[in-house]
């Protein structure tokens, strides 16, 4: 096994899975360098700041400024890897890695794993099952797109995340209202405006899952299939995830095969991927694929259920080595695991969550966190930005996972 101790890894805005990679790299004795705006929702968490040797404070949405800052650091203290801290910076770090001569995704195709319109184009060109779709950047273009796609349809920003402003529309007034709400949303996400460009695509009915895995030496490996629990439409708020999904073997095999085809069509050549799918009557259909770690704690669920640490897989890919050279493959600790998010539609703030502290004494609970502290305003977004808290837990069977999910309704009482 390679000893990475002493080498340096740069992570751009570690606000999601990149934070797990940074903590792992630190445990392996690596030097942590972070490039970040380090303010607002980009502020570096206190525990991460303690293990970071260098913070390059820079506007990470300005690629030229970011590249100049990182290049200057690299000339003084060479980096062994550059990695995205969240999905927004997958394409940026691929271009940065190429500039520095470090391992990374192919720059000529990397935008297709971020931009949903380019993603749909490449998957359709490969002859794979995909919804009909059209791109729009104005109400007039939206009406034209709707005419080509039809209803019901789904509107989604081309480069957002977290299901923000993803909405089903059954007719033109609903679609126009969804787009108007998007255009009026001035909230920045990691310093980025939402943008007004969307994809309008055919609505696909069916259960939603994610296939998570990695690519190494041209081999696509699906490590786990996770079931998504979604809120009521027309929004697609993720209320939680169950790993593994309870699927018949033939359906699971279809998911694995189709995912491999999508990964190859999008030219993901190394590292982890997070592929979201709908299980339609015709078979799996791509929702989207990210060449990155999954969010929402799915990395932790997969680690418990399979023993595979996708954060180690990502770090190995960034270093240009095999995942087996890092502690990427361990022993499962539970056959099933889940995370549940707590949301509310009618609270603007709260003072306490009854039963929250009692969860610490339950052996099946393996983690919990308040996303919005007591007294803080709760956004009226109806998406991941308005989650109050999450609870992660393990169980011995899919039935037990479902049962504890329901038990949480009595154990945790929202105000």
Protein backbone atom coordinates (compact mmCIF):
# COMPACT_ATOMS: atom_id res chain seq x y z
CA UNK A 1 0.00 0.00 0.00
CA UNK A 2 1.27 3.46 -0.94
CA UNK A 3 2.20 5.74 1.93
CA UNK A 4 0.80 9.15 0.92
CA UNK A 5 2.12 10.86 4.07
CA UNK A 6 3.77 14.17 3.35
CA UNK A 7 2.16 14.81 -0.04
CA UNK A 8 -0.25 17.72 -0.50
CA UNK A 9 -3.85 17.64 -1.71
CA UNK A 10 -5.86 20.70 -2.72
CA UNK A 11 -9.64 20.70 -2.30
CA UNK A 12 -11.77 23.44 -3.83
CA UNK A 13 -14.68 24.48 -1.57
CA UNK A 14 -15.01 21.37 0.66
CA UNK A 15 -18.66 21.97 1.62
CA UNK A 16 -19.90 18.49 0.77
CA UNK A 17 -18.12 15.19 0.08
CA UNK A 18 -14.83 17.01 -0.28
CA UNK A 19 -14.81 17.55 3.47
CA UNK A 20 -14.78 13.76 3.97
CA UNK A 21 -11.85 13.49 1.57
CA UNK A 22 -9.96 16.20 3.46
CA UNK A 23 -10.46 14.45 6.79
CA UNK A 24 -9.31 11.14 5.34
CA UNK A 25 -6.25 12.72 3.73
CA UNK A 26 -5.34 14.27 7.08
CA UNK A 27 -5.63 10.89 8.82
CA UNK A 28 -3.25 9.51 6.20
CA UNK A 29 -0.69 12.19 7.05
CA UNK A 30 -1.23 14.33 3.98
CA UNK A 31 -0.98 18.11 3.91
CA UNK A 32 -4.37 19.74 3.34
CA UNK A 33 -4.69 22.85 1.17
CA UNK A 34 -8.10 24.45 0.70
CA UNK A 35 -9.12 26.99 -1.91
CA UNK A 36 -12.23 28.82 -0.76
CA UNK A 37 -14.06 32.10 -0.62
CA UNK A 38 -14.26 31.26 3.11
CA UNK A 39 -17.30 33.41 3.75
CA UNK A 40 -21.05 32.89 3.94
CA UNK A 41 -22.05 29.38 2.87
CA UNK A 42 -18.43 28.80 1.79
CA UNK A 43 -17.01 29.36 5.28
CA UNK A 44 -14.65 26.54 6.19
CA UNK A 45 -15.98 24.45 9.12
CA UNK A 46 -14.01 24.83 12.34
CA UNK A 47 -12.93 21.18 12.51
CA UNK A 48 -11.71 21.30 8.92
CA UNK A 49 -9.83 24.55 9.47
CA UNK A 50 -7.88 22.90 12.32
CA UNK A 51 -6.45 20.22 10.03
CA UNK A 52 -5.78 22.54 7.09
CA UNK A 53 -2.22 23.74 6.55
CA UNK A 54 -2.93 26.37 3.89
CA UNK A 55 -6.08 28.30 2.98
CA UNK A 56 -5.99 30.03 -0.41
CA UNK A 57 -8.68 32.69 -0.02
CA UNK A 58 -9.94 33.33 -3.53
CA UNK A 59 -13.15 33.69 -5.51
CA UNK A 60 -13.47 30.05 -6.56
CA UNK A 61 -16.11 31.00 -9.14
CA UNK A 62 -13.49 33.06 -10.98
CA UNK A 63 -11.46 30.33 -12.71
CA UNK A 64 -8.67 32.65 -13.76
CA UNK A 65 -8.19 33.97 -10.21
CA UNK A 66 -8.42 30.43 -8.80
CA UNK A 67 -5.93 29.04 -11.31
CA UNK A 68 -3.47 31.87 -10.69
CA UNK A 69 -3.63 31.38 -6.90
CA UNK A 70 -3.28 27.61 -7.10
CA UNK A 71 -0.52 27.73 -9.72
CA UNK A 72 1.51 30.13 -7.59
CA UNK A 73 1.13 27.82 -4.59
CA UNK A 74 1.98 24.74 -6.68
CA UNK A 75 5.21 26.37 -7.84
CA UNK A 76 6.22 26.96 -4.22
CA UNK A 77 4.91 23.68 -2.79
CA UNK A 78 3.92 21.06 -5.39
CA UNK A 79 0.51 19.46 -5.09
CA UNK A 80 -0.09 15.75 -5.61
CA UNK A 81 -3.82 16.09 -6.32
CA UNK A 82 -6.56 18.67 -6.86
CA UNK A 83 -10.13 17.67 -6.07
CA UNK A 84 -13.60 19.27 -6.03
CA UNK A 85 -15.18 19.83 -2.65
CA UNK A 86 -18.66 19.67 -4.20
CA UNK A 87 -20.27 19.16 -7.60
CA UNK A 88 -20.01 22.83 -8.64
CA UNK A 89 -16.24 22.47 -9.03
CA UNK A 90 -15.93 19.14 -10.86
CA UNK A 91 -15.29 20.77 -14.23
CA UNK A 92 -13.13 23.51 -12.72
CA UNK A 93 -10.80 21.06 -10.97
CA UNK A 94 -10.53 18.92 -14.12
CA UNK A 95 -9.24 21.96 -16.01
CA UNK A 96 -6.99 22.92 -13.10
CA UNK A 97 -5.53 19.41 -12.87
CA UNK A 98 -4.78 19.45 -16.60
CA UNK A 99 -3.06 22.82 -16.27
CA UNK A 100 -0.85 21.47 -13.45
CA UNK A 101 -0.19 18.13 -15.14
CA UNK A 102 -2.04 16.15 -12.46
CA UNK A 103 -4.58 13.31 -12.83
CA UNK A 104 -8.16 14.37 -13.57
CA UNK A 105 -11.21 13.93 -15.77
CA UNK A 106 -10.93 14.69 -19.50
CA UNK A 107 -11.35 18.44 -19.95
CA UNK A 108 -12.90 18.09 -23.41
CA UNK A 109 -15.97 16.27 -22.03
CA UNK A 110 -16.11 17.20 -18.35
CA UNK A 111 -18.78 19.90 -18.77
CA UNK A 112 -21.28 17.16 -19.69
CA UNK A 113 -21.25 15.89 -16.10
CA UNK A 114 -22.24 19.34 -14.82
CA UNK A 115 -24.50 20.86 -17.47
CA UNK A 116 -27.72 18.87 -17.67
CA UNK A 117 -28.42 19.90 -21.26
CA UNK A 118 -24.98 18.74 -22.47
CA UNK A 119 -25.45 15.57 -20.40
CA UNK A 120 -28.76 14.76 -22.09
CA UNK A 121 -27.23 15.40 -25.52
CA UNK A 122 -24.34 12.99 -24.98
CA UNK A 123 -26.51 10.24 -23.51
CA UNK A 124 -29.03 10.57 -26.34
CA UNK A 125 -26.21 10.55 -28.93
CA UNK A 126 -25.01 7.26 -27.45
CA UNK A 127 -28.42 5.76 -28.22
CA UNK A 128 -29.35 5.28 -24.57
CA UNK A 129 -32.82 5.56 -23.09
CA UNK A 130 -33.42 9.19 -22.11
CA UNK A 131 -36.41 11.54 -21.79
CA UNK A 132 -37.15 13.97 -24.59
CA UNK A 133 -35.80 17.39 -23.59
CA UNK A 134 -35.20 20.99 -24.66
CA UNK A 135 -33.18 23.89 -23.28
CA UNK A 136 -34.59 27.35 -22.52
CA UNK A 137 -33.33 30.67 -21.15
CA UNK A 138 -36.48 32.81 -21.35
CA UNK A 139 -40.24 32.49 -21.09
CA UNK A 140 -40.57 32.55 -24.87
CA UNK A 141 -38.00 29.80 -25.27
CA UNK A 142 -39.67 27.91 -22.42
CA UNK A 143 -42.98 27.92 -24.29
CA UNK A 144 -41.25 26.59 -27.38
CA UNK A 145 -39.50 23.89 -25.30
CA UNK A 146 -42.81 22.86 -23.76
CA UNK A 147 -44.30 22.53 -27.22
CA UNK A 148 -41.57 20.08 -28.20
CA UNK A 149 -41.53 18.08 -24.96
CA UNK A 150 -45.21 18.13 -23.99
CA UNK A 151 -46.78 17.60 -20.57
CA UNK A 152 -46.31 16.43 -17.92
CA UNK A 153 -42.76 17.73 -17.91
CA UNK A 154 -40.02 18.56 -15.41
CA UNK A 155 -38.11 21.84 -15.32
CA UNK A 156 -34.65 21.98 -13.78
CA UNK A 157 -31.80 24.53 -13.80
CA UNK A 158 -28.96 23.26 -15.98
CA UNK A 159 -26.20 23.68 -13.38
CA UNK A 160 -27.83 23.76 -9.95
CA UNK A 161 -27.91 20.98 -7.34
CA UNK A 162 -29.92 19.66 -4.42
CA UNK A 163 -33.18 19.54 -6.45
CA UNK A 164 -33.41 23.33 -6.09
CA UNK A 165 -36.16 24.68 -8.39
CA UNK A 166 -36.75 21.25 -9.91
CA UNK A 167 -40.49 21.13 -10.52
CA UNK A 168 -43.09 19.05 -12.33
CA UNK A 169 -45.57 20.90 -14.55
CA UNK A 170 -48.77 19.45 -15.93
CA UNK A 171 -49.62 22.45 -18.10
CA UNK A 172 -48.20 25.74 -19.36
CA UNK A 173 -49.35 27.93 -16.41
CA UNK A 174 -47.58 25.60 -13.96
CA UNK A 175 -44.39 25.57 -16.03
CA UNK A 176 -44.41 29.36 -16.46
CA UNK A 177 -44.97 29.82 -12.71
CA UNK A 178 -42.04 27.51 -11.91
CA UNK A 179 -39.75 29.41 -14.25
CA UNK A 180 -40.88 32.79 -12.90
CA UNK A 181 -40.08 31.61 -9.35
CA UNK A 182 -36.62 30.50 -10.49
CA UNK A 183 -35.93 33.81 -12.24
CA UNK A 184 -36.98 35.72 -9.12
CA UNK A 185 -34.73 33.71 -6.76
CA UNK A 186 -31.76 35.96 -6.01
CA UNK A 187 -30.21 33.72 -3.34
CA UNK A 188 -26.61 32.81 -4.12
CA UNK A 189 -25.37 29.23 -3.78
CA UNK A 190 -21.65 29.20 -2.94
CA UNK A 191 -21.49 32.69 -4.37
CA UNK A 192 -23.19 31.68 -7.63
CA UNK A 193 -26.47 33.09 -8.93
CA UNK A 194 -29.09 30.53 -9.86
CA UNK A 195 -29.07 31.45 -13.55
CA UNK A 196 -32.07 31.44 -15.88
CA UNK A 197 -31.17 28.54 -18.17
CA UNK A 198 -33.19 25.39 -17.68
CA UNK A 199 -33.86 22.00 -19.18
CA UNK A 200 -37.47 21.04 -19.80
CA UNK A 201 -37.76 17.28 -20.06
CA UNK A 202 -40.38 14.59 -20.33
CA UNK A 203 -41.70 13.47 -16.94
CA UNK A 204 -40.71 9.86 -16.18
CA UNK A 205 -42.89 7.95 -13.74
CA UNK A 206 -41.34 5.36 -11.44
CA UNK A 207 -39.30 4.79 -8.30
CA UNK A 208 -36.09 6.83 -8.03
CA UNK A 209 -32.75 5.33 -7.07
CA UNK A 210 -29.09 6.25 -7.23
CA UNK A 211 -26.31 3.96 -8.40
CA UNK A 212 -23.03 4.91 -6.76
CA UNK A 213 -19.64 3.58 -7.71
CA UNK A 214 -16.35 4.38 -9.41
CA UNK A 215 -14.25 3.95 -12.53
CA UNK A 216 -10.74 2.52 -12.38
CA UNK A 217 -8.61 1.29 -15.29
CA UNK A 218 -11.62 1.51 -17.59
CA UNK A 219 -13.74 -0.72 -15.35
CA UNK A 220 -17.08 0.65 -14.09
CA UNK A 221 -18.05 -0.67 -10.65
CA UNK A 222 -21.43 0.00 -9.04
CA UNK A 223 -20.90 -0.36 -5.29
CA UNK A 224 -24.47 0.18 -4.10
CA UNK A 225 -27.95 1.09 -5.29
CA UNK A 226 -29.78 3.44 -2.94
CA UNK A 227 -33.51 4.11 -2.79
CA UNK A 228 -34.55 7.76 -2.64
CA UNK A 229 -37.54 8.88 -0.59
CA UNK A 230 -39.04 11.94 -2.25
CA UNK A 231 -41.55 14.50 -1.05
CA UNK A 232 -44.81 15.29 -2.77
CA UNK A 233 -44.75 16.54 -6.34
CA UNK A 234 -44.61 18.99 -8.05
CA UNK A 235 -41.31 19.38 -6.14
CA UNK A 236 -38.77 16.60 -5.80
CA UNK A 237 -37.41 17.24 -2.30
CA UNK A 238 -35.29 14.35 -1.08
CA UNK A 239 -36.56 13.31 2.36
CA UNK A 240 -34.06 10.52 2.82
CA UNK A 241 -32.15 7.57 1.39
CA UNK A 242 -32.21 3.82 2.08
CA UNK A 243 -29.17 1.66 1.27
CA UNK A 244 -29.40 -0.82 -0.37
CA UNK A 245 -32.59 -0.35 -2.36
CA UNK A 246 -35.04 -3.24 -2.13
CA UNK A 247 -34.97 -4.33 -5.79
CA UNK A 248 -35.44 -7.66 -7.56
CA UNK A 249 -32.18 -9.04 -8.90
CA UNK A 250 -33.18 -8.53 -12.53
CA UNK A 251 -34.00 -4.85 -11.93
CA UNK A 252 -30.75 -4.31 -10.02
CA UNK A 253 -28.83 -5.88 -12.90
CA UNK A 254 -30.58 -3.57 -15.37
CA UNK A 255 -29.59 -0.57 -13.23
CA UNK A 256 -25.97 -1.71 -13.10
CA UNK A 257 -25.77 -2.32 -16.85
CA UNK A 258 -27.48 0.95 -17.81
CA UNK A 259 -25.34 2.94 -15.36
CA UNK A 260 -22.19 1.55 -16.94
CA UNK A 261 -23.43 2.66 -20.36
CA UNK A 262 -24.18 6.18 -19.08
CA UNK A 263 -20.77 6.47 -17.39
CA UNK A 264 -19.02 5.50 -20.61
CA UNK A 265 -21.21 7.80 -22.72
CA UNK A 266 -20.25 10.74 -20.50
CA UNK A 267 -16.56 9.75 -20.63
CA UNK A 268 -16.07 9.48 -16.87
CA UNK A 269 -12.63 7.87 -16.89
CA UNK A 270 -11.72 7.71 -13.20
CA UNK A 271 -13.00 8.30 -9.69
CA UNK A 272 -16.46 8.14 -8.15
CA UNK A 273 -19.84 8.76 -9.74
CA UNK A 274 -23.37 9.35 -8.46
CA UNK A 275 -25.99 8.31 -11.00
CA UNK A 276 -29.65 9.16 -10.31
CA UNK A 277 -32.25 7.09 -12.18
CA UNK A 278 -35.98 6.57 -12.54
CA UNK A 279 -37.16 2.95 -12.87
CA UNK A 280 -39.65 3.33 -15.70
CA UNK A 281 -41.80 0.64 -17.33
CA UNK A 282 -39.22 0.49 -20.12
CA UNK A 283 -36.25 0.20 -17.75
CA UNK A 284 -33.86 2.60 -15.99
CA UNK A 285 -33.85 6.20 -17.27
CA UNK A 286 -31.16 8.76 -16.41
CA UNK A 287 -32.14 11.69 -14.22
CA UNK A 288 -28.56 12.95 -13.96
CA UNK A 289 -25.02 11.81 -13.26
CA UNK A 290 -22.34 13.54 -11.22
CA UNK A 291 -18.67 12.58 -11.51
CA UNK A 292 -18.25 13.09 -7.79
CA UNK A 293 -19.12 11.72 -4.38
CA UNK A 294 -22.82 11.50 -3.52
CA UNK A 295 -24.12 14.02 -1.02
CA UNK A 296 -26.67 13.69 1.78
CA UNK A 297 -24.51 11.28 3.77
CA UNK A 298 -24.81 8.49 1.18
CA UNK A 299 -21.02 7.98 1.34
CA UNK A 300 -21.44 7.06 5.01
CA UNK A 301 -24.39 4.75 4.30
CA UNK A 302 -22.39 2.91 1.63
CA UNK A 303 -19.38 2.63 3.94
CA UNK A 304 -21.51 0.95 6.61
CA UNK A 305 -23.31 -1.40 4.23
CA UNK A 306 -20.50 -2.39 1.83
CA UNK A 307 -17.25 -1.47 3.57
CA UNK A 308 -16.23 0.63 0.55
CA UNK A 309 -15.08 4.15 1.31
CA UNK A 310 -15.81 6.24 -1.78
CA UNK A 311 -13.90 9.16 -0.23
CA UNK A 312 -10.75 7.00 -0.37
CA UNK A 313 -11.61 6.03 -3.93
CA UNK A 314 -11.85 9.71 -4.87
CA UNK A 315 -8.55 10.54 -3.18
CA UNK A 316 -6.83 7.63 -4.93
CA UNK A 317 -8.14 8.78 -8.32
CA UNK A 318 -6.85 12.29 -7.64
CA UNK A 319 -3.43 10.87 -6.81
CA UNK A 320 -3.47 8.69 -9.92
CA UNK A 321 -3.20 5.41 -7.97
CA UNK A 322 -5.45 2.41 -7.50
CA UNK A 323 -8.08 2.55 -4.77
CA UNK A 324 -6.57 -0.59 -3.24
CA UNK A 325 -3.44 1.41 -2.41
CA UNK A 326 -5.49 3.44 0.09
CA UNK A 327 -7.85 2.12 2.80
CA UNK A 328 -10.81 2.10 0.40
CA UNK A 329 -12.12 -1.39 1.08
CA UNK A 330 -13.05 -2.47 4.59
CA UNK A 331 -15.60 -4.60 6.40
CA UNK A 332 -19.34 -3.78 6.39
CA UNK A 333 -20.81 -2.94 9.78
CA UNK A 334 -24.53 -3.26 8.99
CA UNK A 335 -26.60 -4.88 6.23
CA UNK A 336 -28.82 -1.80 5.84
CA UNK A 337 -28.53 1.91 6.62
CA UNK A 338 -30.57 5.04 6.01
CA UNK A 339 -30.70 8.79 6.48
CA UNK A 340 -33.89 10.72 7.10
CA UNK A 341 -34.28 14.47 6.76
CA UNK A 342 -36.77 16.49 8.78
CA UNK A 343 -38.61 19.28 7.03
CA UNK A 344 -41.57 21.50 7.76
CA UNK A 345 -43.86 23.53 5.53
CA UNK A 346 -45.33 25.97 8.02
CA UNK A 347 -42.54 26.93 10.47
CA UNK A 348 -40.41 30.01 10.02
CA UNK A 349 -38.31 29.27 13.12
CA UNK A 350 -38.30 26.94 16.13
CA UNK A 351 -36.95 26.72 19.66
CA UNK A 352 -36.53 22.97 20.21
CA UNK A 353 -37.13 19.55 18.68
CA UNK A 354 -38.70 17.24 21.25
CA UNK A 355 -36.91 13.92 21.65
CA UNK A 356 -33.81 15.03 19.77
CA UNK A 357 -31.38 14.33 22.64
CA UNK A 358 -32.93 10.92 23.33
CA UNK A 359 -31.71 9.66 19.97
CA UNK A 360 -28.14 9.54 21.34
CA UNK A 361 -29.06 6.56 23.53
CA UNK A 362 -30.45 4.46 20.66
CA UNK A 363 -27.93 1.90 19.38
CA UNK A 364 -29.19 2.01 15.79
CA UNK A 365 -28.57 5.77 15.46
CA UNK A 366 -25.13 6.34 13.93
CA UNK A 367 -25.31 10.08 13.44
CA UNK A 368 -27.52 13.15 13.68
CA UNK A 369 -27.23 16.88 13.05
CA UNK A 370 -29.25 20.06 13.19
CA UNK A 371 -29.03 21.79 9.82
CA UNK A 372 -30.83 24.94 10.99
CA UNK A 373 -30.12 25.74 14.66
CA UNK A 374 -32.94 26.82 17.01
CA UNK A 375 -33.85 30.47 16.60
CA UNK A 376 -32.47 30.71 13.06
CA UNK A 377 -34.94 31.59 10.27
CA UNK A 378 -36.18 28.67 8.17
CA UNK A 379 -36.12 29.51 4.45
CA UNK A 380 -39.40 29.30 2.55
CA UNK A 381 -37.71 27.34 -0.22
CA UNK A 382 -39.39 23.95 -0.04
CA UNK A 383 -36.14 22.24 -1.04
CA UNK A 384 -32.92 21.04 0.60
CA UNK A 385 -32.20 24.55 1.90
CA UNK A 386 -35.07 24.28 4.38
CA UNK A 387 -34.12 20.96 6.03
CA UNK A 388 -34.18 21.27 9.81
CA UNK A 389 -32.14 18.20 10.71
CA UNK A 390 -31.10 14.69 9.74
CA UNK A 391 -30.77 11.32 11.47
CA UNK A 392 -28.63 8.48 10.12
CA UNK A 393 -29.19 4.93 11.35
CA UNK A 394 -28.41 1.25 10.70
CA UNK A 395 -30.72 -1.76 10.64
CA UNK A 396 -30.70 -5.49 10.08
CA UNK A 397 -33.17 -5.61 7.19
CA UNK A 398 -35.05 -3.45 4.73
CA UNK A 399 -38.20 -3.97 6.81
CA UNK A 400 -36.35 -2.75 9.92
CA UNK A 401 -35.12 0.32 8.02
CA UNK A 402 -38.70 1.16 7.08
CA UNK A 403 -39.98 0.48 10.59
CA UNK A 404 -37.44 2.78 12.27
CA UNK A 405 -38.22 5.48 9.69
CA UNK A 406 -41.82 5.42 10.92
CA UNK A 407 -40.75 5.17 14.57
CA UNK A 408 -38.92 8.47 14.17
CA UNK A 409 -42.32 10.15 13.76
CA UNK A 410 -42.96 9.37 17.44
CA UNK A 411 -39.38 9.69 18.71
CA UNK A 412 -38.77 13.13 17.17
CA UNK A 413 -41.53 15.72 17.41
CA UNK A 414 -41.19 18.91 15.44
CA UNK A 415 -42.54 22.09 17.06
